[in-house]
């Protein structure tokens, strides 16, 4: 069992936990925090590591649950994100194979961040051919048990997580970049991505 946060196009370490555990429980009763993977992911662009951030309506004066956070659609963030993804991976071995499934995520305005994150996870699972056993938390609990992987939501701890190397599009320009969005592994490894997630070890 693994307790994790549903994040935006989750990073590889999060997906390794999801695939390697028998059951996933998604934390849905947390208080929203900035500077986390809740509304961001990292991909490998031509100039190196690139952050994609979903703009949200968030008040620092009042504590808000993540499930109540609304996406700020005043900017064309969906178009920007998709163009960045397309530019980063159009020359990867498997981008065209998954392109039609992925572009649908960015074709219509979204209202709630949490709903969109679940939509992204469902789309990625479909691309991976992964039938996940999942449930949602019934209340928020503070725990440091061995099944608690909620710390993976912290974008500032990303350098402490080490995932195995694989060939990336711009490897020769910038070298291997660790623990990017699952999109990076999917577009570069294709059908082998699931076996990679299932069988490769990672360190924390």
N, C-alpha and C. Protein backbone atom coordinates (compact mmCIF):
# COMPACT_ATOMS: atom_id res chain seq x y z
N UNK A 1 0.84 -1.19 0.00
CA UNK A 1 0.00 0.00 0.00
C UNK A 1 0.88 1.24 0.00
N UNK A 2 0.45 2.28 -0.69
CA UNK A 2 1.20 3.54 -0.72
C UNK A 2 0.23 4.71 -0.61
N UNK A 3 0.53 5.63 0.28
CA UNK A 3 -0.26 6.84 0.44
C UNK A 3 0.48 7.97 -0.25
N UNK A 4 -0.14 8.57 -1.28
CA UNK A 4 0.53 9.60 -2.05
C UNK A 4 -0.45 10.72 -2.41
N UNK A 5 0.10 11.85 -2.85
CA UNK A 5 -0.73 12.94 -3.35
C UNK A 5 -0.93 12.78 -4.86
N UNK A 6 -2.13 13.06 -5.36
CA UNK A 6 -2.34 13.08 -6.80
C UNK A 6 -1.80 14.38 -7.37
N UNK A 7 -0.73 14.30 -8.13
CA UNK A 7 -0.05 15.50 -8.63
C UNK A 7 -0.20 15.64 -10.14
N UNK A 8 0.25 16.78 -10.64
CA UNK A 8 0.13 17.09 -12.07
C UNK A 8 1.17 16.30 -12.86
N UNK A 9 0.72 15.40 -13.74
CA UNK A 9 1.61 14.56 -14.54
C UNK A 9 2.78 14.10 -13.67
N UNK A 10 2.51 13.21 -12.70
CA UNK A 10 3.44 12.87 -11.62
C UNK A 10 4.86 12.55 -12.08
N UNK A 11 5.81 12.80 -11.18
CA UNK A 11 7.19 12.49 -11.52
C UNK A 11 7.42 10.97 -11.50
N UNK A 12 8.56 10.56 -12.00
CA UNK A 12 8.85 9.14 -12.20
C UNK A 12 8.90 8.39 -10.87
N UNK A 13 9.49 9.00 -9.85
CA UNK A 13 9.57 8.33 -8.55
C UNK A 13 8.19 8.02 -8.00
N UNK A 14 7.27 8.98 -8.14
CA UNK A 14 5.89 8.77 -7.68
C UNK A 14 5.25 7.61 -8.44
N UNK A 15 5.48 7.56 -9.73
CA UNK A 15 4.90 6.48 -10.53
C UNK A 15 5.55 5.13 -10.20
N UNK A 16 6.81 5.13 -9.86
CA UNK A 16 7.47 3.88 -9.46
C UNK A 16 6.82 3.33 -8.19
N UNK A 17 6.53 4.22 -7.25
CA UNK A 17 5.84 3.81 -6.03
C UNK A 17 4.45 3.26 -6.37
N UNK A 18 3.73 3.97 -7.22
CA UNK A 18 2.37 3.57 -7.58
C UNK A 18 2.35 2.18 -8.21
N UNK A 19 3.29 1.92 -9.11
CA UNK A 19 3.31 0.65 -9.83
C UNK A 19 3.85 -0.50 -8.97
N UNK A 20 4.81 -0.21 -8.11
CA UNK A 20 5.46 -1.26 -7.34
C UNK A 20 4.69 -1.67 -6.08
N UNK A 21 3.69 -0.87 -5.70
CA UNK A 21 2.87 -1.23 -4.54
C UNK A 21 1.57 -1.88 -5.00
N UNK A 22 0.96 -2.67 -4.16
CA UNK A 22 -0.25 -3.39 -4.54
C UNK A 22 -1.48 -2.48 -4.59
N UNK A 23 -1.45 -1.41 -3.82
CA UNK A 23 -2.61 -0.53 -3.73
C UNK A 23 -2.16 0.91 -3.50
N UNK A 24 -2.86 1.85 -4.11
CA UNK A 24 -2.55 3.26 -3.95
C UNK A 24 -3.73 3.95 -3.27
N UNK A 25 -3.43 4.70 -2.22
CA UNK A 25 -4.43 5.56 -1.58
C UNK A 25 -4.04 7.00 -1.86
N UNK A 26 -4.91 7.73 -2.52
CA UNK A 26 -4.64 9.13 -2.82
C UNK A 26 -5.13 10.02 -1.68
N UNK A 27 -4.24 10.88 -1.22
CA UNK A 27 -4.59 11.86 -0.18
C UNK A 27 -5.39 12.99 -0.82
N UNK A 28 -6.63 13.17 -0.40
CA UNK A 28 -7.49 14.21 -0.98
C UNK A 28 -8.04 15.17 0.07
N UNK A 29 -7.52 15.10 1.31
CA UNK A 29 -8.01 15.97 2.38
C UNK A 29 -6.91 16.88 2.93
N UNK A 30 -5.92 17.15 2.11
CA UNK A 30 -4.80 17.97 2.54
C UNK A 30 -5.08 19.45 2.32
N UNK A 31 -4.33 20.28 3.00
CA UNK A 31 -4.36 21.73 2.78
C UNK A 31 -3.39 22.07 1.65
N UNK A 32 -3.84 22.92 0.77
CA UNK A 32 -3.01 23.27 -0.39
C UNK A 32 -1.75 24.01 0.04
N UNK A 33 -0.64 23.67 -0.59
CA UNK A 33 0.63 24.35 -0.36
C UNK A 33 1.26 24.72 -1.69
N UNK A 34 1.90 25.87 -1.71
CA UNK A 34 2.59 26.30 -2.93
C UNK A 34 3.94 25.60 -3.02
N UNK A 35 4.57 25.74 -4.19
CA UNK A 35 5.90 25.17 -4.44
C UNK A 35 5.93 23.66 -4.30
N UNK A 36 4.88 22.99 -4.78
CA UNK A 36 4.85 21.53 -4.75
C UNK A 36 4.43 21.02 -6.13
N UNK A 37 4.45 19.71 -6.27
CA UNK A 37 4.05 19.08 -7.53
C UNK A 37 2.53 19.03 -7.70
N UNK A 38 1.79 19.57 -6.75
CA UNK A 38 0.33 19.58 -6.90
C UNK A 38 -0.07 20.26 -8.21
N UNK A 39 0.61 21.34 -8.54
CA UNK A 39 0.23 22.08 -9.75
C UNK A 39 1.43 22.32 -10.68
N UNK A 40 2.45 21.47 -10.59
CA UNK A 40 3.60 21.65 -11.47
C UNK A 40 4.24 20.30 -11.81
N UNK A 41 4.95 20.32 -12.92
CA UNK A 41 5.77 19.17 -13.29
C UNK A 41 6.99 19.69 -14.03
N UNK A 42 7.96 18.81 -14.23
CA UNK A 42 9.17 19.18 -14.96
C UNK A 42 9.36 18.26 -16.15
N UNK A 43 9.68 18.87 -17.29
CA UNK A 43 9.97 18.08 -18.49
C UNK A 43 11.38 18.46 -18.98
N UNK A 44 11.86 17.76 -20.00
CA UNK A 44 13.20 17.99 -20.53
C UNK A 44 13.07 18.74 -21.85
N UNK A 45 13.30 20.05 -21.80
CA UNK A 45 13.23 20.88 -23.00
C UNK A 45 14.59 21.00 -23.67
N UNK A 46 14.62 21.69 -24.79
CA UNK A 46 15.86 21.85 -25.55
C UNK A 46 16.93 22.58 -24.76
N UNK A 47 16.51 23.42 -23.81
CA UNK A 47 17.47 24.18 -22.99
C UNK A 47 17.67 23.58 -21.61
N UNK A 48 17.17 22.36 -21.41
CA UNK A 48 17.32 21.70 -20.12
C UNK A 48 16.01 21.53 -19.39
N UNK A 49 16.08 21.50 -18.09
CA UNK A 49 14.91 21.26 -17.25
C UNK A 49 13.91 22.41 -17.35
N UNK A 50 12.65 22.07 -17.63
CA UNK A 50 11.62 23.08 -17.84
C UNK A 50 10.43 22.83 -16.93
N UNK A 51 10.03 23.85 -16.19
CA UNK A 51 8.90 23.75 -15.27
C UNK A 51 7.62 24.16 -15.95
N UNK A 52 6.57 23.33 -15.78
CA UNK A 52 5.24 23.66 -16.26
C UNK A 52 4.35 23.86 -15.03
N UNK A 53 3.82 25.06 -14.85
CA UNK A 53 3.02 25.39 -13.67
C UNK A 53 1.59 25.73 -14.05
N UNK A 54 0.64 25.09 -13.40
CA UNK A 54 -0.77 25.40 -13.61
C UNK A 54 -1.13 26.58 -12.72
N UNK A 55 -1.61 27.70 -13.27
CA UNK A 55 -2.02 28.83 -12.43
C UNK A 55 -3.30 28.50 -11.67
N UNK A 56 -3.35 28.87 -10.42
CA UNK A 56 -4.52 28.56 -9.60
C UNK A 56 -4.98 29.79 -8.82
N UNK A 57 -6.24 29.76 -8.39
CA UNK A 57 -6.77 30.77 -7.49
C UNK A 57 -6.48 30.32 -6.06
N UNK A 58 -5.63 31.05 -5.39
CA UNK A 58 -5.21 30.64 -4.05
C UNK A 58 -5.03 31.85 -3.15
N UNK A 59 -5.62 31.78 -1.98
CA UNK A 59 -5.50 32.87 -1.01
C UNK A 59 -4.59 32.45 0.13
N UNK A 60 -3.54 33.21 0.37
CA UNK A 60 -2.63 32.89 1.47
C UNK A 60 -3.22 33.24 2.83
N UNK A 61 -4.27 34.04 2.83
CA UNK A 61 -4.87 34.48 4.09
C UNK A 61 -5.80 33.43 4.69
N UNK A 62 -6.34 32.56 3.85
CA UNK A 62 -7.25 31.54 4.34
C UNK A 62 -6.78 30.15 3.90
N UNK A 63 -6.73 29.22 4.83
CA UNK A 63 -6.31 27.86 4.49
C UNK A 63 -7.36 27.23 3.58
N UNK A 64 -6.89 26.62 2.50
CA UNK A 64 -7.79 26.00 1.54
C UNK A 64 -7.39 24.54 1.33
N UNK A 65 -8.38 23.70 1.20
CA UNK A 65 -8.11 22.31 0.85
C UNK A 65 -7.77 22.22 -0.64
N UNK A 66 -6.88 21.31 -0.98
CA UNK A 66 -6.50 21.14 -2.38
C UNK A 66 -7.71 20.83 -3.25
N UNK A 67 -8.64 20.05 -2.72
CA UNK A 67 -9.82 19.67 -3.51
C UNK A 67 -10.69 20.86 -3.88
N UNK A 68 -10.51 22.00 -3.17
CA UNK A 68 -11.30 23.20 -3.44
C UNK A 68 -10.56 24.21 -4.32
N UNK A 69 -9.32 23.91 -4.66
CA UNK A 69 -8.52 24.85 -5.44
C UNK A 69 -8.98 24.85 -6.90
N UNK A 70 -9.29 26.04 -7.39
CA UNK A 70 -9.72 26.19 -8.77
C UNK A 70 -8.56 26.65 -9.65
N UNK A 71 -8.56 26.19 -10.87
CA UNK A 71 -7.55 26.59 -11.84
C UNK A 71 -7.88 27.99 -12.37
N UNK A 72 -6.86 28.80 -12.54
CA UNK A 72 -7.01 30.15 -13.09
C UNK A 72 -6.86 30.05 -14.62
N UNK A 73 -7.97 30.15 -15.31
CA UNK A 73 -7.96 30.03 -16.76
C UNK A 73 -7.93 31.36 -17.48
N UNK A 74 -7.49 32.41 -16.80
CA UNK A 74 -7.42 33.72 -17.43
C UNK A 74 -6.28 33.81 -18.44
N UNK A 75 -5.31 32.91 -18.31
CA UNK A 75 -4.22 32.83 -19.28
C UNK A 75 -4.38 31.56 -20.11
N UNK A 76 -3.66 31.49 -21.21
CA UNK A 76 -3.74 30.32 -22.09
C UNK A 76 -2.70 29.28 -21.68
N UNK A 77 -2.77 28.87 -20.42
CA UNK A 77 -1.77 27.97 -19.89
C UNK A 77 -1.81 26.60 -20.57
N UNK A 78 -3.00 26.12 -20.95
CA UNK A 78 -3.10 24.81 -21.58
C UNK A 78 -2.37 24.79 -22.92
N UNK A 79 -2.56 25.83 -23.69
CA UNK A 79 -1.87 25.94 -24.97
C UNK A 79 -0.36 26.01 -24.77
N UNK A 80 0.06 26.79 -23.78
CA UNK A 80 1.49 26.93 -23.48
C UNK A 80 2.10 25.60 -23.06
N UNK A 81 1.41 24.88 -22.18
CA UNK A 81 1.92 23.60 -21.70
C UNK A 81 2.03 22.60 -22.84
N UNK A 82 0.97 22.54 -23.67
CA UNK A 82 1.01 21.56 -24.74
C UNK A 82 2.11 21.88 -25.76
N UNK A 83 2.27 23.15 -26.09
CA UNK A 83 3.33 23.53 -27.02
C UNK A 83 4.71 23.19 -26.46
N UNK A 84 4.88 23.35 -25.15
CA UNK A 84 6.15 23.01 -24.51
C UNK A 84 6.38 21.50 -24.55
N UNK A 85 5.35 20.72 -24.26
CA UNK A 85 5.45 19.27 -24.30
C UNK A 85 5.75 18.79 -25.73
N UNK A 86 5.03 19.34 -26.68
CA UNK A 86 5.22 18.97 -28.09
C UNK A 86 6.63 19.30 -28.55
N UNK A 87 7.12 20.48 -28.20
CA UNK A 87 8.47 20.90 -28.58
C UNK A 87 9.54 20.01 -27.94
N UNK A 88 9.30 19.64 -26.68
CA UNK A 88 10.28 18.83 -25.95
C UNK A 88 10.37 17.40 -26.48
N UNK A 89 9.24 16.83 -26.89
CA UNK A 89 9.22 15.39 -27.18
C UNK A 89 8.85 15.00 -28.60
N UNK A 90 8.67 15.97 -29.50
CA UNK A 90 8.27 15.61 -30.86
C UNK A 90 9.30 14.74 -31.57
N UNK A 91 10.56 14.81 -31.14
CA UNK A 91 11.60 13.97 -31.76
C UNK A 91 11.89 12.72 -30.94
N UNK A 92 11.16 12.52 -29.86
CA UNK A 92 11.37 11.30 -29.05
C UNK A 92 10.80 10.10 -29.79
N UNK A 93 11.25 8.90 -29.44
CA UNK A 93 10.84 7.70 -30.18
C UNK A 93 9.34 7.41 -30.16
N UNK A 94 8.62 7.81 -29.09
CA UNK A 94 7.24 7.35 -28.93
C UNK A 94 6.21 8.47 -28.77
N UNK A 95 6.61 9.72 -28.97
CA UNK A 95 5.66 10.82 -28.79
C UNK A 95 4.44 10.67 -29.69
N UNK A 96 4.65 10.36 -30.95
CA UNK A 96 3.53 10.24 -31.88
C UNK A 96 2.58 9.12 -31.48
N UNK A 97 3.11 8.13 -30.82
CA UNK A 97 2.30 6.98 -30.39
C UNK A 97 1.26 7.39 -29.34
N UNK A 98 1.62 8.36 -28.50
CA UNK A 98 0.74 8.78 -27.39
C UNK A 98 0.13 10.16 -27.59
N UNK A 99 0.52 10.84 -28.63
CA UNK A 99 0.14 12.24 -28.83
C UNK A 99 -1.37 12.46 -28.77
N UNK A 100 -2.14 11.64 -29.44
CA UNK A 100 -3.60 11.84 -29.49
C UNK A 100 -4.24 11.72 -28.11
N UNK A 101 -3.72 10.83 -27.28
CA UNK A 101 -4.27 10.67 -25.93
C UNK A 101 -3.87 11.84 -25.03
N UNK A 102 -2.67 12.35 -25.20
CA UNK A 102 -2.17 13.41 -24.34
C UNK A 102 -2.76 14.77 -24.67
N UNK A 103 -2.92 15.06 -25.95
CA UNK A 103 -3.40 16.39 -26.35
C UNK A 103 -4.81 16.65 -25.84
N UNK A 104 -5.59 15.60 -25.64
CA UNK A 104 -6.96 15.75 -25.13
C UNK A 104 -6.99 16.40 -23.75
N UNK A 105 -5.92 16.21 -22.98
CA UNK A 105 -5.86 16.79 -21.64
C UNK A 105 -5.83 18.32 -21.68
N UNK A 106 -5.42 18.87 -22.81
CA UNK A 106 -5.22 20.31 -22.90
C UNK A 106 -6.17 20.98 -23.89
N UNK A 107 -7.24 20.28 -24.24
CA UNK A 107 -8.15 20.78 -25.28
C UNK A 107 -9.36 21.55 -24.75
N UNK A 108 -9.69 21.35 -23.45
CA UNK A 108 -10.85 22.01 -22.88
C UNK A 108 -10.49 22.63 -21.54
N UNK A 109 -11.11 23.77 -21.19
CA UNK A 109 -10.84 24.41 -19.90
C UNK A 109 -11.16 23.46 -18.73
N UNK A 110 -10.36 23.55 -17.69
CA UNK A 110 -10.55 22.73 -16.50
C UNK A 110 -10.94 23.64 -15.33
N UNK A 111 -11.72 23.10 -14.40
CA UNK A 111 -12.18 23.91 -13.27
C UNK A 111 -11.37 23.66 -12.01
N UNK A 112 -11.33 22.42 -11.54
CA UNK A 112 -10.65 22.10 -10.29
C UNK A 112 -9.33 21.39 -10.54
N UNK A 113 -8.30 21.82 -9.82
CA UNK A 113 -6.97 21.26 -9.97
C UNK A 113 -6.95 19.76 -9.68
N UNK A 114 -7.58 19.35 -8.57
CA UNK A 114 -7.54 17.94 -8.18
C UNK A 114 -8.20 17.06 -9.24
N UNK A 115 -9.33 17.49 -9.76
CA UNK A 115 -10.01 16.72 -10.80
C UNK A 115 -9.13 16.57 -12.03
N UNK A 116 -8.45 17.65 -12.39
CA UNK A 116 -7.57 17.59 -13.56
C UNK A 116 -6.39 16.67 -13.32
N UNK A 117 -5.82 16.69 -12.11
CA UNK A 117 -4.71 15.79 -11.80
C UNK A 117 -5.13 14.33 -11.93
N UNK A 118 -6.33 14.01 -11.47
CA UNK A 118 -6.82 12.64 -11.61
C UNK A 118 -7.05 12.29 -13.09
N UNK A 119 -7.49 13.27 -13.86
CA UNK A 119 -7.68 13.06 -15.29
C UNK A 119 -6.34 12.75 -15.98
N UNK A 120 -5.31 13.48 -15.58
CA UNK A 120 -3.97 13.24 -16.12
C UNK A 120 -3.46 11.84 -15.76
N UNK A 121 -3.65 11.46 -14.51
CA UNK A 121 -3.19 10.14 -14.05
C UNK A 121 -3.92 9.04 -14.80
N UNK A 122 -5.21 9.21 -15.01
CA UNK A 122 -5.98 8.20 -15.75
C UNK A 122 -5.48 8.08 -17.18
N UNK A 123 -5.16 9.21 -17.81
CA UNK A 123 -4.66 9.19 -19.19
C UNK A 123 -3.30 8.51 -19.27
N UNK A 124 -2.42 8.80 -18.31
CA UNK A 124 -1.10 8.17 -18.30
C UNK A 124 -1.23 6.67 -18.04
N UNK A 125 -2.10 6.29 -17.11
CA UNK A 125 -2.30 4.87 -16.83
C UNK A 125 -2.76 4.13 -18.09
N UNK A 126 -3.63 4.77 -18.86
CA UNK A 126 -4.09 4.17 -20.10
C UNK A 126 -2.93 3.99 -21.08
N UNK A 127 -2.08 5.00 -21.19
CA UNK A 127 -0.92 4.91 -22.08
C UNK A 127 0.03 3.80 -21.63
N UNK A 128 0.16 3.63 -20.33
CA UNK A 128 1.05 2.59 -19.78
C UNK A 128 0.43 1.20 -19.83
N UNK A 129 -0.88 1.14 -20.02
CA UNK A 129 -1.58 -0.13 -19.92
C UNK A 129 -1.61 -0.62 -18.48
N UNK A 130 -1.74 0.32 -17.56
CA UNK A 130 -1.66 0.03 -16.12
C UNK A 130 -3.05 0.12 -15.49
N UNK A 131 -3.52 -0.98 -14.98
CA UNK A 131 -4.81 -1.05 -14.29
C UNK A 131 -4.55 -0.90 -12.80
N UNK A 132 -4.66 0.29 -12.29
CA UNK A 132 -4.26 0.60 -10.92
C UNK A 132 -5.37 0.32 -9.91
N UNK A 133 -5.00 -0.27 -8.79
CA UNK A 133 -5.92 -0.45 -7.68
C UNK A 133 -5.81 0.78 -6.79
N UNK A 134 -6.86 1.59 -6.77
CA UNK A 134 -6.76 2.86 -6.08
C UNK A 134 -7.99 3.16 -5.23
N UNK A 135 -7.78 4.02 -4.25
CA UNK A 135 -8.87 4.54 -3.42
C UNK A 135 -8.47 5.94 -2.96
N UNK A 136 -9.38 6.63 -2.29
CA UNK A 136 -9.11 7.97 -1.80
C UNK A 136 -9.21 8.01 -0.28
N UNK A 137 -8.40 8.84 0.32
CA UNK A 137 -8.41 8.95 1.77
C UNK A 137 -9.75 9.47 2.26
N UNK A 138 -10.14 9.05 3.46
CA UNK A 138 -11.40 9.49 4.05
C UNK A 138 -11.21 10.68 5.00
N UNK A 139 -9.99 10.84 5.46
CA UNK A 139 -9.65 11.99 6.31
C UNK A 139 -8.14 12.17 6.29
N UNK A 140 -7.71 13.35 6.68
CA UNK A 140 -6.26 13.61 6.69
C UNK A 140 -5.66 13.11 8.00
N UNK A 141 -4.58 12.38 7.89
CA UNK A 141 -3.86 11.90 9.08
C UNK A 141 -2.38 12.21 8.94
N UNK A 142 -1.77 12.51 10.06
CA UNK A 142 -0.32 12.72 10.06
C UNK A 142 0.35 11.41 10.44
N UNK A 143 1.16 10.91 9.55
CA UNK A 143 1.84 9.65 9.80
C UNK A 143 3.18 9.61 9.10
N UNK A 144 4.10 8.92 9.67
CA UNK A 144 5.42 8.73 9.06
C UNK A 144 5.70 7.25 8.84
N UNK A 145 4.65 6.50 8.59
CA UNK A 145 4.81 5.07 8.41
C UNK A 145 5.52 4.77 7.09
N UNK A 146 5.95 3.53 6.93
CA UNK A 146 6.70 3.13 5.74
C UNK A 146 5.83 3.13 4.48
N UNK A 147 4.52 3.27 4.64
CA UNK A 147 3.63 3.32 3.48
C UNK A 147 3.31 4.75 3.06
N UNK A 148 3.84 5.74 3.77
CA UNK A 148 3.53 7.14 3.52
C UNK A 148 4.56 7.75 2.56
N UNK A 149 4.13 8.00 1.34
CA UNK A 149 5.01 8.59 0.33
C UNK A 149 4.56 10.00 -0.04
N UNK A 150 3.82 10.64 0.84
CA UNK A 150 3.33 11.98 0.53
C UNK A 150 4.44 13.00 0.41
N UNK A 151 5.61 12.70 0.98
CA UNK A 151 6.73 13.64 0.88
C UNK A 151 7.19 13.84 -0.56
N UNK A 152 6.85 12.93 -1.45
CA UNK A 152 7.25 13.06 -2.84
C UNK A 152 6.59 14.25 -3.54
N UNK A 153 5.60 14.86 -2.88
CA UNK A 153 4.93 16.03 -3.46
C UNK A 153 5.81 17.28 -3.36
N UNK A 154 6.82 17.23 -2.50
CA UNK A 154 7.65 18.39 -2.24
C UNK A 154 8.67 18.59 -3.36
N UNK A 155 8.48 19.60 -4.18
CA UNK A 155 9.37 19.84 -5.32
C UNK A 155 10.79 20.19 -4.87
N UNK A 156 10.94 20.67 -3.67
CA UNK A 156 12.26 21.06 -3.18
C UNK A 156 13.11 19.86 -2.77
N UNK A 157 12.50 18.69 -2.63
CA UNK A 157 13.24 17.50 -2.25
C UNK A 157 13.59 16.61 -3.44
N UNK A 158 13.35 17.14 -4.63
CA UNK A 158 13.51 16.31 -5.82
C UNK A 158 14.92 15.77 -5.98
N UNK A 159 15.94 16.52 -5.57
CA UNK A 159 17.32 16.07 -5.77
C UNK A 159 17.67 14.91 -4.85
N UNK A 160 16.87 14.66 -3.82
CA UNK A 160 17.16 13.56 -2.90
C UNK A 160 16.64 12.22 -3.43
N UNK A 161 15.81 12.27 -4.48
CA UNK A 161 15.27 11.06 -5.08
C UNK A 161 16.08 10.74 -6.33
N UNK A 162 16.61 9.53 -6.40
CA UNK A 162 17.42 9.13 -7.54
C UNK A 162 16.73 8.01 -8.32
N UNK A 163 16.41 8.28 -9.58
CA UNK A 163 15.80 7.28 -10.44
C UNK A 163 16.85 6.75 -11.42
N UNK A 164 16.70 5.52 -11.90
CA UNK A 164 17.67 4.95 -12.83
C UNK A 164 17.74 5.73 -14.14
N UNK A 165 18.90 5.68 -14.78
CA UNK A 165 19.08 6.38 -16.05
C UNK A 165 18.39 5.65 -17.20
N UNK A 166 18.01 6.42 -18.19
CA UNK A 166 17.51 5.92 -19.47
C UNK A 166 17.86 6.99 -20.51
N UNK A 167 17.72 6.68 -21.78
CA UNK A 167 18.09 7.62 -22.83
C UNK A 167 17.02 8.70 -22.97
N UNK A 168 17.46 9.96 -22.87
CA UNK A 168 16.56 11.10 -23.02
C UNK A 168 16.88 11.87 -24.31
N UNK A 169 15.92 12.62 -24.82
CA UNK A 169 16.06 13.28 -26.12
C UNK A 169 17.30 14.16 -26.20
N UNK A 170 17.51 14.98 -25.17
CA UNK A 170 18.62 15.94 -25.22
C UNK A 170 19.79 15.51 -24.33
N UNK A 171 19.96 14.19 -24.19
CA UNK A 171 21.02 13.62 -23.37
C UNK A 171 22.40 14.20 -23.72
N UNK A 172 22.68 14.29 -25.01
CA UNK A 172 24.02 14.70 -25.44
C UNK A 172 24.28 16.18 -25.15
N UNK A 173 23.22 16.98 -25.03
CA UNK A 173 23.38 18.41 -24.76
C UNK A 173 23.53 18.71 -23.28
N UNK A 174 22.69 18.08 -22.46
CA UNK A 174 22.63 18.45 -21.05
C UNK A 174 22.84 17.29 -20.08
N UNK A 175 23.02 16.08 -20.61
CA UNK A 175 23.18 14.92 -19.74
C UNK A 175 21.85 14.43 -19.20
N UNK A 176 21.90 13.42 -18.35
CA UNK A 176 20.68 12.85 -17.79
C UNK A 176 20.10 13.77 -16.73
N UNK A 177 18.79 14.01 -16.81
CA UNK A 177 18.08 14.79 -15.79
C UNK A 177 17.18 13.85 -15.01
N UNK A 178 17.34 13.84 -13.72
CA UNK A 178 16.71 12.89 -12.82
C UNK A 178 15.25 13.24 -12.50
N UNK A 179 14.43 12.20 -12.38
CA UNK A 179 13.08 12.30 -11.81
C UNK A 179 12.20 13.38 -12.42
N UNK A 180 12.11 13.37 -13.75
CA UNK A 180 11.21 14.28 -14.44
C UNK A 180 9.79 13.73 -14.41
N UNK A 181 8.87 14.43 -15.08
CA UNK A 181 7.50 13.94 -15.21
C UNK A 181 7.49 12.58 -15.90
N UNK A 182 6.51 11.78 -15.58
CA UNK A 182 6.32 10.49 -16.22
C UNK A 182 6.26 10.63 -17.74
N UNK A 183 5.88 11.81 -18.25
CA UNK A 183 5.85 12.04 -19.69
C UNK A 183 7.20 11.76 -20.33
N UNK A 184 8.28 12.13 -19.63
CA UNK A 184 9.61 11.96 -20.18
C UNK A 184 9.93 10.48 -20.39
N UNK A 185 9.64 9.67 -19.40
CA UNK A 185 9.87 8.23 -19.51
C UNK A 185 8.97 7.62 -20.58
N UNK A 186 7.73 8.02 -20.60
CA UNK A 186 6.77 7.46 -21.54
C UNK A 186 7.18 7.74 -22.99
N UNK A 187 7.55 8.98 -23.27
CA UNK A 187 7.90 9.35 -24.65
C UNK A 187 9.23 8.75 -25.10
N UNK A 188 10.12 8.48 -24.16
CA UNK A 188 11.42 7.92 -24.51
C UNK A 188 11.48 6.40 -24.47
N UNK A 189 10.69 5.79 -23.61
CA UNK A 189 10.74 4.34 -23.45
C UNK A 189 9.53 3.62 -24.02
N UNK A 190 8.43 4.35 -24.23
CA UNK A 190 7.26 3.74 -24.85
C UNK A 190 6.72 2.55 -24.09
N UNK A 191 6.43 1.44 -24.77
CA UNK A 191 5.86 0.25 -24.12
C UNK A 191 6.74 -0.33 -23.02
N UNK A 192 8.03 0.01 -23.03
CA UNK A 192 8.93 -0.50 -21.99
C UNK A 192 8.83 0.30 -20.70
N UNK A 193 8.11 1.43 -20.73
CA UNK A 193 8.03 2.31 -19.57
C UNK A 193 7.43 1.59 -18.36
N UNK A 194 6.40 0.78 -18.59
CA UNK A 194 5.77 0.11 -17.45
C UNK A 194 6.74 -0.87 -16.80
N UNK A 195 7.47 -1.66 -17.58
CA UNK A 195 8.44 -2.59 -17.02
C UNK A 195 9.53 -1.85 -16.26
N UNK A 196 9.93 -0.70 -16.76
CA UNK A 196 10.91 0.14 -16.08
C UNK A 196 10.38 0.53 -14.70
N UNK A 197 9.16 1.03 -14.66
CA UNK A 197 8.55 1.45 -13.39
C UNK A 197 8.37 0.29 -12.43
N UNK A 198 8.05 -0.86 -12.96
CA UNK A 198 7.77 -2.04 -12.14
C UNK A 198 9.02 -2.68 -11.56
N UNK A 199 10.11 -2.68 -12.32
CA UNK A 199 11.25 -3.50 -11.95
C UNK A 199 12.50 -2.73 -11.54
N UNK A 200 12.59 -1.48 -11.90
CA UNK A 200 13.81 -0.73 -11.57
C UNK A 200 13.73 -0.16 -10.14
N UNK A 201 14.84 -0.21 -9.41
CA UNK A 201 14.84 0.35 -8.05
C UNK A 201 15.13 1.85 -8.09
N UNK A 202 14.74 2.55 -7.05
CA UNK A 202 15.13 3.95 -6.90
C UNK A 202 15.47 4.20 -5.45
N UNK A 203 16.22 5.25 -5.20
CA UNK A 203 16.67 5.54 -3.85
C UNK A 203 16.12 6.88 -3.38
N UNK A 204 15.90 6.98 -2.07
CA UNK A 204 15.38 8.21 -1.46
C UNK A 204 16.46 8.86 -0.61
